[in-house]
Amino acid sequence: MVVKVFIASQSGSTAIKKKQQDVLGFLEANKIDFKEMDIAANEDNRKWMRENVPGEKRPQNGIPLPPQIFNDELYCGDYDSFFNAKEDHGVYAFLGLAPPPGSKEAHQAAIIQNGEVPESDKGDLENIGENEAEKDQESVHQTIEPEEAAKEEEQPESEDEEEQPVTEEEDEEEPVTEEAEALTEQKQV
């Protein structure tokens, strides 16, 4: 099984270039075997990609943009799907690959498969419980401080500092013109 990443080597979009680099860089860093399929240099690649992206995964205009990711003939997803899988530590499942032993994803898969936490990780769960208790204590202290700050804000220090309501005219910003900038510079001098 080979992961295929359909890219456009000659793209004018910086967003597409960044997305392609993110996918390829991740695969390289994690030593996942993949094959770049350039749709800009090879018309057959472009046609194959467009024909094999499922209809429900196509954008509104009907033309899928790179990067598009496949595992052999099986469609994995586009960049957004890849990004979500990466954030959830589920890239190997997204790609249809077995996670490497010792990875977070392999650990999560073992928990899901067995329905229980391995003995080696139960100590970690106890520490998590202790950390949660510490966070609860901190949040109690943090909630008191904002209440005191709110009381101080309610009482103005003097009549001059009372807040005046903002009118619609004041709320809208006027565009800065060259004349206004010149006047500002003259006043500062």
N, C-alpha and C. Protein backbone atom coordinates (compact mmCIF):
# COMPACT_ATOMS: atom_id res chain seq x y z
N MET A 1 0.84 -1.17 0.00
CA MET A 1 0.00 0.00 0.00
C MET A 1 0.89 1.25 0.00
N VAL A 2 0.62 2.12 -0.94
CA VAL A 2 1.41 3.33 -1.08
C VAL A 2 0.51 4.54 -0.91
N VAL A 3 0.93 5.45 -0.06
CA VAL A 3 0.22 6.71 0.10
C VAL A 3 0.59 7.59 -1.07
N LYS A 4 -0.43 8.11 -1.75
CA LYS A 4 -0.21 9.01 -2.88
C LYS A 4 -0.73 10.39 -2.50
N VAL A 5 0.12 11.38 -2.68
CA VAL A 5 -0.28 12.76 -2.41
C VAL A 5 -0.26 13.51 -3.73
N PHE A 6 -1.43 13.93 -4.16
CA PHE A 6 -1.55 14.67 -5.40
C PHE A 6 -1.29 16.14 -5.12
N ILE A 7 -0.26 16.67 -5.79
CA ILE A 7 0.16 18.06 -5.58
C ILE A 7 0.22 18.78 -6.93
N ALA A 8 0.36 20.09 -6.85
CA ALA A 8 0.57 20.90 -8.05
C ALA A 8 1.89 21.64 -7.86
N SER A 9 2.92 21.19 -8.59
CA SER A 9 4.24 21.80 -8.43
C SER A 9 4.26 23.23 -8.96
N GLN A 10 3.36 23.56 -9.86
CA GLN A 10 3.30 24.89 -10.45
C GLN A 10 2.01 25.60 -10.03
N SER A 11 1.83 25.81 -8.75
CA SER A 11 0.63 26.46 -8.25
C SER A 11 0.91 27.94 -7.99
N GLY A 12 -0.03 28.78 -8.35
CA GLY A 12 0.11 30.21 -8.08
C GLY A 12 -0.43 30.58 -6.73
N SER A 13 -1.06 29.66 -6.04
CA SER A 13 -1.66 29.92 -4.74
C SER A 13 -0.69 29.57 -3.61
N THR A 14 -0.39 30.55 -2.79
CA THR A 14 0.50 30.29 -1.65
C THR A 14 -0.19 29.39 -0.63
N ALA A 15 -1.52 29.50 -0.53
CA ALA A 15 -2.25 28.65 0.42
C ALA A 15 -2.11 27.18 0.03
N ILE A 16 -2.25 26.90 -1.26
CA ILE A 16 -2.10 25.51 -1.73
C ILE A 16 -0.67 25.03 -1.50
N LYS A 17 0.31 25.88 -1.78
CA LYS A 17 1.72 25.50 -1.58
C LYS A 17 1.98 25.17 -0.12
N LYS A 18 1.46 25.98 0.80
CA LYS A 18 1.68 25.74 2.23
C LYS A 18 1.02 24.44 2.67
N LYS A 19 -0.19 24.19 2.18
CA LYS A 19 -0.89 22.96 2.54
C LYS A 19 -0.12 21.73 2.04
N GLN A 20 0.37 21.81 0.79
CA GLN A 20 1.15 20.71 0.23
C GLN A 20 2.41 20.48 1.05
N GLN A 21 3.10 21.56 1.41
CA GLN A 21 4.33 21.44 2.21
C GLN A 21 4.04 20.84 3.57
N ASP A 22 2.91 21.21 4.17
CA ASP A 22 2.55 20.68 5.48
C ASP A 22 2.35 19.17 5.41
N VAL A 23 1.61 18.71 4.41
CA VAL A 23 1.35 17.28 4.27
C VAL A 23 2.65 16.52 3.98
N LEU A 24 3.40 16.98 2.99
CA LEU A 24 4.64 16.29 2.62
C LEU A 24 5.66 16.33 3.75
N GLY A 25 5.77 17.45 4.42
CA GLY A 25 6.71 17.57 5.53
C GLY A 25 6.37 16.63 6.67
N PHE A 26 5.07 16.51 6.98
CA PHE A 26 4.64 15.60 8.03
C PHE A 26 4.97 14.16 7.67
N LEU A 27 4.66 13.78 6.45
CA LEU A 27 4.93 12.40 6.01
C LEU A 27 6.42 12.09 6.05
N GLU A 28 7.24 13.03 5.60
CA GLU A 28 8.70 12.84 5.63
C GLU A 28 9.21 12.74 7.06
N ALA A 29 8.75 13.65 7.92
CA ALA A 29 9.22 13.66 9.31
C ALA A 29 8.86 12.39 10.05
N ASN A 30 7.73 11.81 9.71
CA ASN A 30 7.29 10.59 10.37
C ASN A 30 7.66 9.32 9.61
N LYS A 31 8.51 9.50 8.59
CA LYS A 31 9.03 8.37 7.80
C LYS A 31 7.91 7.48 7.25
N ILE A 32 6.86 8.13 6.77
CA ILE A 32 5.76 7.42 6.13
C ILE A 32 6.05 7.41 4.64
N ASP A 33 6.08 6.21 4.05
CA ASP A 33 6.34 6.10 2.61
C ASP A 33 5.20 6.72 1.84
N PHE A 34 5.54 7.56 0.88
CA PHE A 34 4.53 8.20 0.05
C PHE A 34 5.10 8.47 -1.32
N LYS A 35 4.20 8.79 -2.22
CA LYS A 35 4.58 9.09 -3.59
C LYS A 35 3.89 10.40 -3.99
N GLU A 36 4.70 11.36 -4.46
CA GLU A 36 4.14 12.62 -4.95
C GLU A 36 3.62 12.42 -6.35
N MET A 37 2.39 12.86 -6.57
CA MET A 37 1.78 12.75 -7.90
C MET A 37 1.49 14.19 -8.35
N ASP A 38 2.30 14.67 -9.26
CA ASP A 38 2.21 16.05 -9.71
C ASP A 38 1.12 16.20 -10.78
N ILE A 39 0.09 16.99 -10.48
CA ILE A 39 -0.99 17.17 -11.45
C ILE A 39 -0.69 18.30 -12.44
N ALA A 40 0.31 19.11 -12.15
CA ALA A 40 0.68 20.20 -13.06
C ALA A 40 1.56 19.70 -14.19
N ALA A 41 2.39 18.72 -13.92
CA ALA A 41 3.32 18.22 -14.92
C ALA A 41 2.81 16.98 -15.65
N ASN A 42 1.76 16.37 -15.10
CA ASN A 42 1.28 15.12 -15.70
C ASN A 42 -0.24 15.17 -15.80
N GLU A 43 -0.73 15.24 -17.01
CA GLU A 43 -2.18 15.32 -17.26
C GLU A 43 -2.91 14.08 -16.77
N ASP A 44 -2.29 12.91 -16.88
CA ASP A 44 -2.92 11.67 -16.42
C ASP A 44 -3.17 11.70 -14.90
N ASN A 45 -2.20 12.24 -14.16
CA ASN A 45 -2.36 12.37 -12.70
C ASN A 45 -3.55 13.28 -12.38
N ARG A 46 -3.63 14.40 -13.11
CA ARG A 46 -4.72 15.36 -12.87
C ARG A 46 -6.07 14.70 -13.13
N LYS A 47 -6.20 14.00 -14.23
CA LYS A 47 -7.46 13.34 -14.58
C LYS A 47 -7.80 12.26 -13.55
N TRP A 48 -6.81 11.45 -13.18
CA TRP A 48 -7.06 10.38 -12.22
C TRP A 48 -7.53 10.94 -10.89
N MET A 49 -6.86 12.01 -10.40
CA MET A 49 -7.25 12.62 -9.13
C MET A 49 -8.69 13.12 -9.20
N ARG A 50 -9.01 13.86 -10.25
CA ARG A 50 -10.35 14.44 -10.36
C ARG A 50 -11.44 13.37 -10.46
N GLU A 51 -11.13 12.27 -11.13
CA GLU A 51 -12.12 11.20 -11.29
C GLU A 51 -12.31 10.38 -10.02
N ASN A 52 -11.29 10.32 -9.16
CA ASN A 52 -11.35 9.43 -8.01
C ASN A 52 -11.66 10.11 -6.68
N VAL A 53 -11.79 11.42 -6.66
CA VAL A 53 -12.27 12.08 -5.44
C VAL A 53 -13.77 11.88 -5.41
N PRO A 54 -14.30 11.29 -4.33
CA PRO A 54 -15.74 11.02 -4.26
C PRO A 54 -16.57 12.29 -4.41
N GLY A 55 -17.75 12.15 -5.01
CA GLY A 55 -18.63 13.28 -5.27
C GLY A 55 -18.96 14.10 -4.04
N GLU A 56 -19.20 13.43 -2.91
CA GLU A 56 -19.57 14.15 -1.68
C GLU A 56 -18.38 14.91 -1.07
N LYS A 57 -17.18 14.61 -1.51
CA LYS A 57 -15.98 15.28 -1.01
C LYS A 57 -15.51 16.40 -1.93
N ARG A 58 -16.20 16.59 -3.04
CA ARG A 58 -15.80 17.62 -4.00
C ARG A 58 -16.28 18.99 -3.51
N PRO A 59 -15.52 20.04 -3.82
CA PRO A 59 -15.98 21.39 -3.49
C PRO A 59 -17.17 21.79 -4.36
N GLN A 60 -17.76 22.93 -4.06
CA GLN A 60 -18.96 23.37 -4.77
C GLN A 60 -18.74 23.51 -6.28
N ASN A 61 -17.55 23.97 -6.67
CA ASN A 61 -17.29 24.13 -8.11
C ASN A 61 -16.99 22.80 -8.81
N GLY A 62 -16.89 21.72 -8.03
CA GLY A 62 -16.70 20.40 -8.61
C GLY A 62 -15.27 20.01 -8.91
N ILE A 63 -14.32 20.94 -8.77
CA ILE A 63 -12.93 20.65 -9.09
C ILE A 63 -12.12 20.57 -7.79
N PRO A 64 -11.70 19.37 -7.40
CA PRO A 64 -10.91 19.24 -6.17
C PRO A 64 -9.51 19.82 -6.35
N LEU A 65 -9.07 20.57 -5.35
CA LEU A 65 -7.75 21.18 -5.38
C LEU A 65 -6.75 20.35 -4.60
N PRO A 66 -5.49 20.39 -4.99
CA PRO A 66 -4.46 19.68 -4.23
C PRO A 66 -4.21 20.37 -2.90
N PRO A 67 -3.69 19.70 -1.93
CA PRO A 67 -3.32 18.29 -1.95
C PRO A 67 -4.53 17.38 -1.70
N GLN A 68 -4.56 16.28 -2.42
CA GLN A 68 -5.54 15.22 -2.23
C GLN A 68 -4.75 13.96 -1.90
N ILE A 69 -5.22 13.20 -0.92
CA ILE A 69 -4.44 12.08 -0.41
C ILE A 69 -5.20 10.77 -0.61
N PHE A 70 -4.48 9.79 -1.16
CA PHE A 70 -5.03 8.46 -1.42
C PHE A 70 -4.08 7.42 -0.83
N ASN A 71 -4.64 6.26 -0.47
CA ASN A 71 -3.84 5.09 -0.13
C ASN A 71 -4.12 4.09 -1.23
N ASP A 72 -3.19 3.97 -2.16
CA ASP A 72 -3.39 3.23 -3.41
C ASP A 72 -4.61 3.83 -4.11
N GLU A 73 -5.68 3.06 -4.24
CA GLU A 73 -6.88 3.53 -4.92
C GLU A 73 -7.91 4.11 -3.94
N LEU A 74 -7.68 3.94 -2.65
CA LEU A 74 -8.63 4.36 -1.63
C LEU A 74 -8.44 5.84 -1.28
N TYR A 75 -9.52 6.62 -1.39
CA TYR A 75 -9.46 8.04 -1.08
C TYR A 75 -9.39 8.25 0.43
N CYS A 76 -8.38 8.99 0.89
CA CYS A 76 -8.25 9.30 2.31
C CYS A 76 -8.90 10.64 2.63
N GLY A 77 -8.55 11.67 1.87
CA GLY A 77 -9.14 12.98 2.11
C GLY A 77 -8.30 14.11 1.55
N ASP A 78 -8.77 15.32 1.83
CA ASP A 78 -8.06 16.52 1.39
C ASP A 78 -7.25 17.08 2.55
N TYR A 79 -6.75 18.29 2.40
CA TYR A 79 -5.91 18.86 3.43
C TYR A 79 -6.66 19.06 4.74
N ASP A 80 -7.90 19.54 4.67
CA ASP A 80 -8.65 19.79 5.90
C ASP A 80 -8.85 18.50 6.69
N SER A 81 -9.17 17.42 6.00
CA SER A 81 -9.33 16.13 6.67
C SER A 81 -8.01 15.67 7.28
N PHE A 82 -6.92 15.86 6.54
CA PHE A 82 -5.60 15.50 7.04
C PHE A 82 -5.27 16.31 8.29
N PHE A 83 -5.52 17.62 8.23
CA PHE A 83 -5.21 18.49 9.36
C PHE A 83 -5.99 18.06 10.60
N ASN A 84 -7.27 17.77 10.44
CA ASN A 84 -8.08 17.32 11.59
C ASN A 84 -7.55 16.01 12.15
N ALA A 85 -7.17 15.10 11.29
CA ALA A 85 -6.61 13.82 11.75
C ALA A 85 -5.30 14.05 12.49
N LYS A 86 -4.50 14.97 12.00
CA LYS A 86 -3.22 15.27 12.65
C LYS A 86 -3.46 15.86 14.04
N GLU A 87 -4.42 16.75 14.15
CA GLU A 87 -4.73 17.37 15.44
C GLU A 87 -5.26 16.36 16.45
N ASP A 88 -5.97 15.35 15.94
CA ASP A 88 -6.55 14.32 16.81
C ASP A 88 -5.62 13.12 17.00
N HIS A 89 -4.38 13.23 16.54
CA HIS A 89 -3.41 12.13 16.61
C HIS A 89 -3.96 10.88 15.94
N GLY A 90 -4.58 11.06 14.77
CA GLY A 90 -5.17 9.94 14.05
C GLY A 90 -4.75 9.87 12.60
N VAL A 91 -3.54 10.34 12.29
CA VAL A 91 -3.09 10.37 10.89
C VAL A 91 -2.95 8.97 10.32
N TYR A 92 -2.45 8.03 11.10
CA TYR A 92 -2.26 6.69 10.56
C TYR A 92 -3.60 6.04 10.22
N ALA A 93 -4.59 6.23 11.06
CA ALA A 93 -5.93 5.72 10.76
C ALA A 93 -6.49 6.43 9.52
N PHE A 94 -6.28 7.73 9.43
CA PHE A 94 -6.71 8.52 8.28
C PHE A 94 -6.10 7.97 6.99
N LEU A 95 -4.83 7.61 7.05
CA LEU A 95 -4.11 7.10 5.88
C LEU A 95 -4.36 5.61 5.65
N GLY A 96 -5.04 4.94 6.57
CA GLY A 96 -5.29 3.51 6.43
C GLY A 96 -4.07 2.68 6.72
N LEU A 97 -3.19 3.20 7.58
CA LEU A 97 -1.95 2.51 7.94
C LEU A 97 -1.98 2.11 9.41
N ALA A 98 -1.20 1.10 9.75
CA ALA A 98 -1.05 0.71 11.15
C ALA A 98 -0.10 1.70 11.82
N PRO A 99 -0.47 2.21 12.99
CA PRO A 99 0.41 3.16 13.68
C PRO A 99 1.66 2.46 14.20
N PRO A 100 2.78 3.19 14.25
CA PRO A 100 4.00 2.57 14.77
C PRO A 100 3.86 2.27 16.26
N PRO A 101 4.48 1.18 16.74
CA PRO A 101 4.39 0.84 18.15
C PRO A 101 4.96 1.98 19.01
N GLY A 102 4.28 2.25 20.11
CA GLY A 102 4.75 3.28 21.03
C GLY A 102 4.23 4.67 20.73
N SER A 103 3.55 4.86 19.61
CA SER A 103 3.01 6.18 19.28
C SER A 103 1.70 6.42 20.03
N LYS A 104 1.32 7.68 20.14
CA LYS A 104 0.06 8.01 20.79
C LYS A 104 -1.11 7.34 20.09
N GLU A 105 -1.03 7.32 18.77
CA GLU A 105 -2.11 6.72 18.00
C GLU A 105 -2.21 5.22 18.26
N ALA A 106 -1.07 4.53 18.39
CA ALA A 106 -1.08 3.10 18.69
C ALA A 106 -1.66 2.87 20.08
N HIS A 107 -1.32 3.76 21.00
CA HIS A 107 -1.85 3.68 22.37
C HIS A 107 -3.37 3.85 22.37
N GLN A 108 -3.85 4.87 21.63
CA GLN A 108 -5.30 5.10 21.56
C GLN A 108 -6.00 3.92 20.90
N ALA A 109 -5.40 3.36 19.87
CA ALA A 109 -5.99 2.21 19.18
C ALA A 109 -6.09 1.01 20.13
N ALA A 110 -5.07 0.80 20.97
CA ALA A 110 -5.09 -0.31 21.92
C ALA A 110 -6.21 -0.12 22.94
N ILE A 111 -6.41 1.11 23.38
CA ILE A 111 -7.48 1.39 24.35
C ILE A 111 -8.84 1.12 23.70
N ILE A 112 -9.01 1.58 22.49
CA ILE A 112 -10.28 1.38 21.79
C ILE A 112 -10.53 -0.10 21.53
N GLN A 113 -9.47 -0.80 21.11
CA GLN A 113 -9.61 -2.22 20.77
C GLN A 113 -9.90 -3.05 22.02
N ASN A 114 -9.19 -2.79 23.11
CA ASN A 114 -9.33 -3.59 24.32
C ASN A 114 -10.41 -3.06 25.26
N GLY A 115 -10.76 -1.80 25.11
CA GLY A 115 -11.77 -1.20 25.97
C GLY A 115 -11.27 -0.86 27.36
N GLU A 116 -9.98 -0.93 27.58
CA GLU A 116 -9.44 -0.59 28.90
C GLU A 116 -8.05 0.02 28.77
N VAL A 117 -7.63 0.68 29.83
CA VAL A 117 -6.33 1.32 29.85
C VAL A 117 -5.27 0.30 30.29
N PRO A 118 -4.17 0.18 29.54
CA PRO A 118 -3.12 -0.76 29.95
C PRO A 118 -2.58 -0.43 31.34
N GLU A 119 -2.14 -1.45 32.07
CA GLU A 119 -1.61 -1.28 33.43
C GLU A 119 -0.49 -0.24 33.48
N SER A 120 0.35 -0.23 32.46
CA SER A 120 1.49 0.68 32.45
C SER A 120 1.06 2.14 32.43
N ASP A 121 -0.17 2.43 32.01
CA ASP A 121 -0.63 3.81 31.91
C ASP A 121 -1.55 4.24 33.04
N LYS A 122 -1.92 3.30 33.94
CA LYS A 122 -2.83 3.67 35.02
C LYS A 122 -2.19 4.67 35.98
N GLY A 123 -0.89 4.60 36.16
CA GLY A 123 -0.20 5.58 37.00
C GLY A 123 -0.33 6.98 36.41
N ASP A 124 -0.29 7.07 35.11
CA ASP A 124 -0.46 8.36 34.44
C ASP A 124 -1.83 8.93 34.72
N LEU A 125 -2.86 8.07 34.76
CA LEU A 125 -4.21 8.55 35.01
C LEU A 125 -4.34 9.10 36.43
N GLU A 126 -3.65 8.47 37.38
CA GLU A 126 -3.69 8.99 38.75
C GLU A 126 -3.07 10.38 38.80
N ASN A 127 -1.96 10.57 38.12
CA ASN A 127 -1.34 11.88 38.08
C ASN A 127 -2.25 12.91 37.43
N ILE A 128 -3.00 12.49 36.42
CA ILE A 128 -3.93 13.41 35.76
C ILE A 128 -4.98 13.87 36.77
N GLY A 129 -5.48 12.95 37.59
CA GLY A 129 -6.46 13.32 38.61
C GLY A 129 -5.91 14.33 39.59
N GLU A 130 -4.65 14.15 40.01
CA GLU A 130 -4.02 15.11 40.92
C GLU A 130 -3.87 16.46 40.24
N ASN A 131 -3.47 16.47 38.97
CA ASN A 131 -3.31 17.74 38.24
C ASN A 131 -4.65 18.45 38.10
N GLU A 132 -5.73 17.70 37.90
CA GLU A 132 -7.06 18.32 37.78
C GLU A 132 -7.45 18.99 39.08
N ALA A 133 -7.13 18.35 40.23
CA ALA A 133 -7.45 18.95 41.53
C ALA A 133 -6.69 20.26 41.70
N GLU A 134 -5.41 20.28 41.29
CA GLU A 134 -4.63 21.51 41.38
C GLU A 134 -5.21 22.60 40.50
N LYS A 135 -5.66 22.25 39.31
CA LYS A 135 -6.26 23.23 38.41
C LYS A 135 -7.54 23.79 39.00
N ASP A 136 -8.33 22.93 39.68
CA ASP A 136 -9.56 23.40 40.32
C ASP A 136 -9.25 24.44 41.38
N GLN A 137 -8.21 24.19 42.17
CA GLN A 137 -7.81 25.15 43.20
C GLN A 137 -7.39 26.47 42.58
N GLU A 138 -6.62 26.40 41.49
CA GLU A 138 -6.18 27.62 40.82
C GLU A 138 -7.36 28.40 40.26
N SER A 139 -8.34 27.69 39.70
CA SER A 139 -9.47 28.39 39.10
C SER A 139 -10.31 29.08 40.16
N VAL A 140 -10.36 28.55 41.40
CA VAL A 140 -11.08 29.22 42.48
C VAL A 140 -10.43 30.56 42.77
N HIS A 141 -9.11 30.59 42.81
CA HIS A 141 -8.39 31.83 43.07
C HIS A 141 -8.58 32.81 41.92
N GLN A 142 -8.62 32.32 40.72
CA GLN A 142 -8.77 33.20 39.56
C GLN A 142 -10.16 33.80 39.49
N THR A 143 -11.18 33.09 39.95
CA THR A 143 -12.53 33.64 39.86
C THR A 143 -12.75 34.74 40.87
N ILE A 144 -12.06 34.72 41.97
CA ILE A 144 -12.20 35.77 42.98
C ILE A 144 -11.61 37.06 42.47
N GLU A 145 -10.46 37.00 41.87
CA GLU A 145 -9.79 38.21 41.41
C GLU A 145 -10.60 39.00 40.39
N PRO A 146 -11.21 38.41 39.39
CA PRO A 146 -12.00 39.19 38.44
C PRO A 146 -13.20 39.89 39.09
N GLU A 147 -13.80 39.26 40.13
CA GLU A 147 -14.92 39.90 40.81
C GLU A 147 -14.47 41.19 41.49
N GLU A 148 -13.31 41.15 42.16
CA GLU A 148 -12.78 42.34 42.81
C GLU A 148 -12.46 43.42 41.78
N ALA A 149 -11.92 43.02 40.66
CA ALA A 149 -11.59 43.98 39.60
C ALA A 149 -12.85 44.62 39.06
N ALA A 150 -13.92 43.85 38.95
CA ALA A 150 -15.18 44.39 38.43
C ALA A 150 -15.75 45.43 39.39
N LYS A 151 -15.62 45.19 40.71
CA LYS A 151 -16.10 46.16 41.70
C LYS A 151 -15.35 47.48 41.58
N GLU A 152 -14.03 47.39 41.37
CA GLU A 152 -13.23 48.60 41.24
C GLU A 152 -13.61 49.37 39.99
N GLU A 153 -13.96 48.66 38.91
CA GLU A 153 -14.33 49.33 37.68
C GLU A 153 -15.67 50.03 37.79
N GLU A 154 -16.55 49.53 38.64
CA GLU A 154 -17.88 50.13 38.78
C GLU A 154 -17.81 51.53 39.37
N GLN A 155 -16.83 51.81 40.20
CA GLN A 155 -16.73 53.10 40.86
C GLN A 155 -15.71 53.97 40.13
N PRO A 156 -16.19 55.02 39.43
CA PRO A 156 -15.23 55.91 38.76
C PRO A 156 -14.45 56.72 39.78
N GLU A 157 -13.18 56.99 39.47
CA GLU A 157 -12.32 57.74 40.38
C GLU A 157 -12.72 59.20 40.46
N SER A 158 -13.15 59.76 39.36
CA SER A 158 -13.62 61.13 39.37
C SER A 158 -14.68 61.31 38.30
N GLU A 159 -15.36 62.46 38.37
CA GLU A 159 -16.43 62.71 37.42
C GLU A 159 -15.90 62.83 36.00
N ASP A 160 -14.68 63.32 35.82
CA ASP A 160 -14.10 63.49 34.50
C ASP A 160 -13.85 62.16 33.80
N GLU A 161 -13.63 61.10 34.57
CA GLU A 161 -13.26 59.82 33.99
C GLU A 161 -14.45 58.91 33.71
N GLU A 162 -15.67 59.40 33.97
CA GLU A 162 -16.83 58.57 33.68
C GLU A 162 -16.90 58.27 32.20
N GLU A 163 -17.31 57.05 31.87
CA GLU A 163 -17.39 56.67 30.47
C GLU A 163 -18.62 57.30 29.84
N GLN A 164 -18.44 57.80 28.65
CA GLN A 164 -19.53 58.37 27.88
C GLN A 164 -19.98 57.33 26.86
N PRO A 165 -21.27 57.26 26.58
CA PRO A 165 -21.72 56.28 25.57
C PRO A 165 -21.13 56.62 24.21
N VAL A 166 -20.82 55.58 23.46
CA VAL A 166 -20.25 55.75 22.13
C VAL A 166 -21.39 55.87 21.13
N THR A 167 -21.35 56.90 20.32
CA THR A 167 -22.38 57.08 19.30
C THR A 167 -21.96 56.32 18.06
N GLU A 168 -22.90 56.12 17.15
CA GLU A 168 -22.59 55.40 15.92
C GLU A 168 -21.54 56.14 15.12
N GLU A 169 -21.60 57.46 15.14
CA GLU A 169 -20.64 58.25 14.37
C GLU A 169 -19.23 58.04 14.91
N GLU A 170 -19.09 57.97 16.23
CA GLU A 170 -17.77 57.78 16.83
C GLU A 170 -17.26 56.36 16.62
N ASP A 171 -18.19 55.41 16.54
CA ASP A 171 -17.82 54.00 16.43
C ASP A 171 -17.23 53.68 15.06
N GLU A 172 -17.66 54.37 14.01
CA GLU A 172 -17.14 54.11 12.68
C GLU A 172 -15.81 54.83 12.49
N GLU A 173 -14.86 54.12 11.91
CA GLU A 173 -13.56 54.72 11.65
C GLU A 173 -13.55 55.33 10.26
N GLU A 174 -13.00 56.51 10.18
CA GLU A 174 -12.88 57.17 8.89
C GLU A 174 -11.58 56.73 8.24
N PRO A 175 -11.57 56.54 6.93
CA PRO A 175 -10.32 56.18 6.26
C PRO A 175 -9.33 57.36 6.36
N VAL A 176 -8.07 57.03 6.52
CA VAL A 176 -7.03 58.04 6.64
C VAL A 176 -6.61 58.46 5.24
N THR A 177 -6.62 59.76 5.00
CA THR A 177 -6.22 60.28 3.70
C THR A 177 -4.81 60.83 3.81
N GLU A 178 -4.23 61.11 2.69
CA GLU A 178 -2.87 61.68 2.68
C GLU A 178 -2.87 63.04 3.36
N GLU A 179 -3.95 63.82 3.16
CA GLU A 179 -4.02 65.14 3.79
C GLU A 179 -4.06 65.00 5.31
N ALA A 180 -4.83 64.05 5.80
CA ALA A 180 -4.93 63.85 7.25
C ALA A 180 -3.58 63.42 7.82
N GLU A 181 -2.87 62.56 7.10
CA GLU A 181 -1.55 62.14 7.56
C GLU A 181 -0.59 63.31 7.61
N ALA A 182 -0.63 64.18 6.60
CA ALA A 182 0.25 65.35 6.56
C ALA A 182 -0.06 66.28 7.73
N LEU A 183 -1.34 66.48 8.04
CA LEU A 183 -1.72 67.34 9.17
C LEU A 183 -1.23 66.74 10.48
N THR A 184 -1.36 65.42 10.62
CA THR A 184 -0.89 64.76 11.82
C THR A 184 0.60 64.92 12.00
N GLU A 185 1.35 64.77 10.92
CA GLU A 185 2.81 64.92 10.98
C GLU A 185 3.20 66.35 11.34
N GLN A 186 2.47 67.33 10.80
CA GLN A 186 2.77 68.74 11.12
C GLN A 186 2.50 69.03 12.60
N LYS A 187 1.43 68.47 13.15
CA LYS A 187 1.10 68.70 14.55
C LYS A 187 2.16 68.08 15.46
N GLN A 188 2.74 66.97 15.05
CA GLN A 188 3.74 66.30 15.88
C GLN A 188 5.06 67.04 15.89
N VAL A 189 5.33 67.83 14.84
CA VAL A 189 6.59 68.55 14.73
C VAL A 189 6.55 69.78 15.53
